[in-house]
Protein backbone atom coordinates (compact mmCIF):
# COMPACT_ATOMS: atom_id res chain seq x y z
CA UNK A 1 -65.14 -134.90 94.91
CA UNK A 2 -63.23 -131.97 93.42
CA UNK A 3 -60.54 -131.58 90.80
CA UNK A 4 -58.21 -128.97 89.37
CA UNK A 5 -61.13 -127.83 87.22
CA UNK A 6 -62.75 -126.36 90.37
CA UNK A 7 -65.93 -128.30 89.65
CA UNK A 8 -67.53 -130.56 92.24
CA UNK A 9 -68.48 -133.80 90.57
CA UNK A 10 -69.49 -137.46 90.89
CA UNK A 11 -68.31 -140.45 88.87
CA UNK A 12 -69.81 -143.94 88.85
CA UNK A 13 -69.93 -146.99 86.59
CA UNK A 14 -67.79 -148.59 83.92
CA UNK A 15 -67.90 -148.41 80.17
CA UNK A 16 -68.12 -145.49 77.72
CA UNK A 17 -67.95 -142.08 79.37
CA UNK A 18 -71.12 -140.02 79.66
CA UNK A 19 -70.98 -136.44 80.96
CA UNK A 20 -74.11 -134.73 82.31
CA UNK A 21 -74.25 -130.90 82.33
CA UNK A 22 -77.02 -129.22 84.29
CA UNK A 23 -79.28 -126.25 83.70
CA UNK A 24 -78.47 -123.00 85.52
CA UNK A 25 -81.83 -123.31 87.26
CA UNK A 26 -80.48 -126.45 88.90
CA UNK A 27 -77.21 -128.16 89.81
CA UNK A 28 -75.88 -131.69 89.35
CA UNK A 29 -78.64 -133.08 91.56
CA UNK A 30 -81.03 -132.61 88.65
CA UNK A 31 -79.65 -135.88 87.28
CA UNK A 32 -80.56 -137.89 90.40
CA UNK A 33 -83.55 -139.54 88.66
CA UNK A 34 -81.40 -140.81 85.74
CA UNK A 35 -78.16 -141.51 87.61
CA UNK A 36 -78.66 -145.18 88.54
CA UNK A 37 -80.40 -145.97 85.25
CA UNK A 38 -77.47 -144.66 83.21
CA UNK A 39 -74.88 -146.40 85.38
CA UNK A 40 -76.81 -149.69 85.12
CA UNK A 41 -77.02 -149.20 81.34
CA UNK A 42 -73.24 -149.59 81.17
CA UNK A 43 -71.91 -146.04 81.13
CA UNK A 44 -69.18 -144.40 83.20
CA UNK A 45 -71.33 -141.46 84.24
CA UNK A 46 -69.88 -138.10 85.28
CA UNK A 47 -71.89 -135.15 86.52
CA UNK A 48 -70.54 -131.83 87.73
CA UNK A 49 -71.63 -128.52 89.21
CA UNK A 50 -70.75 -125.39 87.26
CA UNK A 51 -69.10 -122.65 89.28
CA UNK A 52 -71.47 -121.09 91.78
CA UNK A 53 -73.86 -124.06 91.63
CA UNK A 54 -74.30 -126.94 94.04
CA UNK A 55 -70.99 -127.74 95.73
CA UNK A 56 -68.76 -125.79 93.33
CA UNK A 57 -67.49 -122.46 94.70
CA UNK A 58 -68.23 -119.19 92.98
CA UNK A 59 -65.59 -117.96 90.56
CA UNK A 60 -62.72 -115.83 91.85
CA UNK A 61 -61.56 -114.74 88.40
CA UNK A 62 -62.88 -114.59 84.80
CA UNK A 63 -63.48 -118.07 83.37
CA UNK A 64 -65.14 -120.15 80.69
CA UNK A 65 -67.46 -123.01 81.64
CA UNK A 66 -66.37 -125.04 78.61
CA UNK A 67 -62.74 -124.83 79.70
CA UNK A 68 -63.72 -125.93 83.21
CA UNK A 69 -65.41 -128.96 81.64
CA UNK A 70 -62.37 -129.73 79.51
CA UNK A 71 -60.16 -129.50 82.59
CA UNK A 72 -62.45 -131.90 84.45
CA UNK A 73 -62.26 -134.41 81.61
CA UNK A 74 -58.47 -134.08 81.64
CA UNK A 75 -58.35 -134.63 85.41
CA UNK A 76 -60.45 -137.77 85.05
CA UNK A 77 -58.40 -139.09 82.12
CA UNK A 78 -61.38 -139.05 79.74
CA UNK A 79 -60.27 -138.57 76.14
CA UNK A 80 -63.75 -138.87 74.60
CA UNK A 81 -67.24 -138.76 76.02
CA UNK A 82 -70.88 -138.48 75.14
CA UNK A 83 -72.40 -135.30 76.58
CA UNK A 84 -75.94 -134.60 77.73
CA UNK A 85 -76.62 -130.93 78.42
CA UNK A 86 -79.77 -129.26 79.75
CA UNK A 87 -80.49 -125.60 78.90
CA UNK A 88 -77.29 -123.66 79.71
CA UNK A 89 -75.51 -127.01 80.03
CA UNK A 90 -76.53 -127.72 76.45
CA UNK A 91 -74.86 -124.49 75.37
CA UNK A 92 -71.69 -125.52 77.21
CA UNK A 93 -71.89 -128.96 75.57
CA UNK A 94 -72.06 -127.29 72.15
CA UNK A 95 -69.00 -125.18 72.91
CA UNK A 96 -66.99 -128.19 74.10
CA UNK A 97 -67.99 -130.13 70.97
CA UNK A 98 -67.14 -127.17 68.72
CA UNK A 99 -63.74 -126.38 70.24
CA UNK A 100 -62.58 -129.96 70.89
CA UNK A 101 -64.58 -132.03 68.40
CA UNK A 102 -62.54 -135.20 68.84
CA UNK A 103 -63.48 -135.31 72.52
CA UNK A 104 -67.26 -135.50 72.04
CA UNK A 105 -68.68 -138.61 70.44
CA UNK A 106 -72.39 -137.87 70.87
CA UNK A 107 -74.55 -134.96 72.03
CA UNK A 108 -77.98 -134.84 73.60
CA UNK A 109 -79.23 -131.27 73.95
CA UNK A 110 -82.25 -130.88 76.23
CA UNK A 111 -83.77 -127.44 75.66
CA UNK A 112 -80.28 -126.18 74.84
CA UNK A 113 -79.50 -122.49 75.17
CA UNK A 114 -76.78 -121.20 72.87
CA UNK A 115 -76.73 -117.38 72.56
CA UNK A 116 -79.88 -116.02 70.96
CA UNK A 117 -79.61 -113.00 68.68
CA UNK A 118 -83.14 -111.89 69.52
CA UNK A 119 -85.09 -113.01 72.57
CA UNK A 120 -88.80 -113.58 72.45
CA UNK A 121 -91.05 -111.24 74.38
CA UNK A 122 -91.77 -114.09 76.80
CA UNK A 123 -88.08 -114.72 77.60
CA UNK A 124 -87.24 -111.01 77.79
CA UNK A 125 -90.18 -110.48 80.13
CA UNK A 126 -89.09 -113.34 82.37
CA UNK A 127 -85.54 -111.97 82.56
CA UNK A 128 -86.79 -108.46 83.36
CA UNK A 129 -89.13 -109.73 86.09
CA UNK A 130 -86.38 -111.87 87.63
CA UNK A 131 -83.91 -108.98 87.64
CA UNK A 132 -86.49 -106.67 89.21
CA UNK A 133 -87.26 -109.14 91.99
CA UNK A 134 -83.59 -109.72 92.76
CA UNK A 135 -82.87 -105.97 92.78
CA UNK A 136 -85.70 -105.59 95.29
CA UNK A 137 -84.32 -108.37 97.48
CA UNK A 138 -87.32 -110.60 96.77
CA UNK A 139 -85.28 -113.76 96.32
CA UNK A 140 -88.05 -116.17 97.32
CA UNK A 141 -90.36 -114.61 94.73
CA UNK A 142 -87.65 -114.89 92.06
CA UNK A 143 -87.27 -118.57 92.91
CA UNK A 144 -91.01 -119.13 92.53
CA UNK A 145 -90.99 -117.35 89.18
CA UNK A 146 -88.23 -119.69 87.98
CA UNK A 147 -90.07 -122.78 89.18
CA UNK A 148 -93.28 -121.66 87.47
CA UNK A 149 -91.50 -120.74 84.22
CA UNK A 150 -89.19 -123.69 83.74
CA UNK A 151 -91.27 -126.65 84.85
CA UNK A 152 -94.10 -127.95 82.70
CA UNK A 153 -97.46 -129.39 83.76
CA UNK A 154 -96.03 -132.90 84.27
CA UNK A 155 -93.84 -131.79 87.21
CA UNK A 156 -95.13 -133.01 90.57
CA UNK A 157 -94.75 -131.38 93.96
CA UNK A 158 -91.52 -133.20 94.82
CA UNK A 159 -89.93 -132.09 91.54
CA UNK A 160 -90.98 -128.49 92.12
CA UNK A 161 -89.54 -128.64 95.64
CA UNK A 162 -86.27 -130.03 94.27
CA UNK A 163 -85.93 -127.26 91.68
CA UNK A 164 -86.91 -124.68 94.30
CA UNK A 165 -84.09 -125.89 96.58
CA UNK A 166 -81.45 -125.89 93.81
CA UNK A 167 -82.46 -122.50 92.42
CA UNK A 168 -82.51 -120.84 95.85
CA UNK A 169 -78.98 -122.05 96.59
CA UNK A 170 -77.74 -120.83 93.20
CA UNK A 171 -79.29 -117.39 93.64
CA UNK A 172 -77.92 -117.05 97.17
CA UNK A 173 -74.40 -117.86 95.93
CA UNK A 174 -74.74 -115.55 92.94
CA UNK A 175 -75.95 -112.62 95.02
CA UNK A 176 -73.13 -113.02 97.54
CA UNK A 177 -70.31 -113.46 95.02
CA UNK A 178 -68.31 -110.93 93.05
CA UNK A 179 -69.34 -110.75 89.41
CA UNK A 180 -66.63 -111.38 86.82
CA UNK A 181 -66.88 -110.76 83.07
CA UNK A 182 -67.38 -113.98 81.14
CA UNK A 183 -66.10 -114.26 77.57
CA UNK A 184 -68.74 -114.98 74.98
CA UNK A 185 -69.20 -118.69 74.32
CA UNK A 186 -67.69 -120.13 71.16
CA UNK A 187 -70.45 -121.85 69.19
CA UNK A 188 -68.83 -122.37 65.81
CA UNK A 189 -71.09 -125.26 65.00
CA UNK A 190 -69.27 -126.19 61.81
CA UNK A 191 -66.53 -127.80 63.90
CA UNK A 192 -68.86 -130.29 65.56
CA UNK A 193 -68.50 -133.90 64.44
CA UNK A 194 -70.72 -135.68 66.96
CA UNK A 195 -74.11 -137.14 66.29
CA UNK A 196 -76.69 -135.04 68.09
CA UNK A 197 -80.24 -135.24 69.35
CA UNK A 198 -81.86 -131.84 70.02
CA UNK A 199 -84.87 -132.17 72.31
CA UNK A 200 -87.49 -129.52 72.98
CA UNK A 201 -90.61 -129.37 75.14
CA UNK A 202 -94.01 -128.50 73.79
CA UNK A 203 -94.71 -126.29 76.83
CA UNK A 204 -91.34 -124.50 76.78
CA UNK A 205 -90.70 -120.91 75.74
CA UNK A 206 -90.49 -120.47 71.94
CA UNK A 207 -86.78 -119.55 72.04
CA UNK A 208 -85.75 -123.05 73.10
CA UNK A 209 -88.17 -124.87 70.82
CA UNK A 210 -86.87 -122.90 67.84
CA UNK A 211 -83.26 -123.41 68.90
CA UNK A 212 -83.71 -127.19 68.99
CA UNK A 213 -85.22 -127.24 65.49
CA UNK A 214 -82.46 -124.96 64.18
CA UNK A 215 -79.69 -127.09 65.72
CA UNK A 216 -81.08 -130.15 63.94
CA UNK A 217 -80.68 -128.28 60.66
CA UNK A 218 -77.24 -126.83 61.39
CA UNK A 219 -75.40 -129.77 62.91
CA UNK A 220 -74.05 -132.37 60.48
CA UNK A 221 -75.56 -135.48 62.09
CA UNK A 222 -78.52 -134.31 64.09
CA UNK A 223 -82.22 -134.76 64.55
CA UNK A 224 -84.87 -132.90 66.50
CA UNK A 225 -87.44 -134.47 68.78
CA UNK A 226 -90.16 -132.46 70.49
CA UNK A 227 -91.81 -133.89 73.59
CA UNK A 228 -95.33 -132.53 73.50
CA UNK A 229 -95.85 -133.09 77.24
CA UNK A 230 -92.65 -131.38 78.40
CA UNK A 231 -91.69 -127.99 79.71
CA UNK A 232 -88.10 -126.77 79.88
CA UNK A 233 -86.74 -129.55 82.12
CA UNK A 234 -88.08 -132.82 80.72
CA UNK A 235 -85.53 -134.99 82.53
CA UNK A 236 -87.13 -133.91 85.81
CA UNK A 237 -90.71 -134.03 84.56
CA UNK A 238 -90.73 -137.60 83.22
CA UNK A 239 -87.39 -139.06 84.37
CA UNK A 240 -87.88 -142.63 83.19
CA UNK A 241 -89.06 -141.57 79.72
CA UNK A 242 -86.06 -139.29 79.24
CA UNK A 243 -83.67 -141.95 80.60
CA UNK A 244 -84.93 -144.41 77.97
CA UNK A 245 -84.56 -141.74 75.28
CA UNK A 246 -80.96 -141.05 76.34
CA UNK A 247 -79.93 -144.70 76.46
CA UNK A 248 -81.56 -145.47 73.11
CA UNK A 249 -79.92 -142.55 71.32
CA UNK A 250 -76.49 -143.07 72.87
CA UNK A 251 -76.47 -146.76 71.94
CA UNK A 252 -77.59 -145.86 68.42
CA UNK A 253 -74.82 -143.25 68.16
CA UNK A 254 -72.23 -145.70 69.47
CA UNK A 255 -73.14 -148.38 66.92
CA UNK A 256 -73.67 -145.90 64.08
């Protein structure tokens, strides 16, 4: 399914809207393990592919991901939604909540990645190694580096294969597409009204663990929860545990 937002997406269920935003390592298929659980829990669940991911085409002009998401909500007639964002998707969720605060009723940020003023040596090293591999045409090796970096020890072989498939497709699209400048994201957190849960993984890079703790301090109605067993993609590493966490927090936010 596509819309005027240019984002491929799926919609299922009835009840309060719940938007799922994926990590750039993945695409909307990363939510497969939670999809039926969230629909059965009584939500109208929407998931989309950012441009150049999954079934969404690469950009043909400069764009903002947050504005694509807003356009998708408009196309679906959704005035307000809860938003769950993983990594880069968490950064997009923060921008949507900051720019259009009345449209986001609750936020769950899984290893969210708003802009960092100073990257850790570990993250800078990963980015440099990835860029070097891609410059050398070693795409398969770059994919394996991503799988090894972003999945924690709980991830089984099927999960690693799933991430490998999604990341390879994303890199292939990225390498074939024209690059367009992307405006800096707008993360003026003072505008956010939504209750928020910032989740980090005990095996993740320090940048994302520190970001989650900082978001819990900066956002007006937020708390931080660290999953000691998790890497960067906990929803793929222990799907049922994260699904229960999402449903519990979203129900709490709705009644609170």
